[in-house]
Amino acid sequence: MGKCEKRAWPLTLGLLVNAVALAVHGLIENLPEGLFILMELAAIVLILWGIVETRRRSGL
């Protein structure tokens, strides 16, 4: 695994959490909206953290 892959793990994890949240929301019809929103917010935070870390480490 190269340097780019090592520092991009929060972005990848955020995208995975987003995909899981959408799949769970689609499969479970009576899922509380608060839980779905919480999972989406966690995904957004991870994605933004991954973008910031990648840009910070690349010197931009």
Protein backbone atom coordinates (compact mmCIF):
# COMPACT_ATOMS: atom_id res chain seq x y z
CA MET A 1 0.00 0.00 0.00
CA GLY A 2 1.48 3.35 -1.04
CA LYS A 3 1.47 6.68 0.72
CA CYS A 4 -1.66 7.89 -1.05
CA GLU A 5 -3.67 4.85 0.01
CA LYS A 6 -2.51 5.10 3.63
CA ARG A 7 -3.62 8.70 4.02
CA ALA A 8 -6.90 8.29 2.13
CA TRP A 9 -8.43 5.78 4.55
CA PRO A 10 -10.86 8.29 6.19
CA LEU A 11 -12.26 9.16 2.76
CA THR A 12 -12.66 5.49 1.85
CA LEU A 13 -14.24 4.69 5.21
CA GLY A 14 -16.64 7.63 4.82
CA LEU A 15 -17.77 6.40 1.43
CA LEU A 16 -18.24 2.91 2.85
CA VAL A 17 -20.31 4.24 5.78
CA ASN A 18 -22.42 6.23 3.32
CA ALA A 19 -23.05 3.14 1.19
CA VAL A 20 -23.97 1.06 4.25
CA ALA A 21 -26.32 3.79 5.51
CA LEU A 22 -28.11 3.95 2.17
CA ALA A 23 -28.36 0.15 1.94
CA VAL A 24 -29.71 -0.20 5.48
CA HIS A 25 -32.16 2.64 4.91
CA GLY A 26 -33.39 0.95 1.74
CA LEU A 27 -33.71 -2.51 3.30
CA ILE A 28 -35.28 -1.56 6.63
CA GLU A 29 -38.39 0.51 6.02
CA ASN A 30 -39.11 1.31 9.66
CA LEU A 31 -35.59 2.52 10.47
CA PRO A 32 -35.73 5.64 12.64
CA GLU A 33 -34.87 8.74 10.61
CA GLY A 34 -32.57 9.94 13.39
CA LEU A 35 -30.37 6.86 13.02
CA PHE A 36 -30.12 7.34 9.26
CA ILE A 37 -29.25 11.02 9.66
CA LEU A 38 -26.62 10.15 12.29
CA MET A 39 -25.00 7.60 9.97
CA GLU A 40 -25.01 10.10 7.09
CA LEU A 41 -23.44 12.79 9.29
CA ALA A 42 -20.72 10.36 10.35
CA ALA A 43 -20.04 9.58 6.69
CA ILE A 44 -19.87 13.28 5.79
CA VAL A 45 -17.42 13.97 8.63
CA LEU A 46 -15.19 11.07 7.58
CA ILE A 47 -15.24 12.15 3.93
CA LEU A 48 -14.37 15.75 4.79
CA TRP A 49 -11.63 14.59 7.17
CA GLY A 50 -10.17 12.42 4.39
CA ILE A 51 -10.20 15.32 1.93
CA VAL A 52 -8.57 17.70 4.42
CA GLU A 53 -5.89 15.17 5.43
CA THR A 54 -5.07 14.34 1.82
CA ARG A 55 -4.73 18.01 0.89
CA ARG A 56 -2.76 18.83 4.04
CA ARG A 57 -0.26 16.02 3.50
CA SER A 58 0.20 16.80 -0.16
CA GLY A 59 1.07 20.41 0.67
CA LEU A 60 -1.94 22.16 -0.86
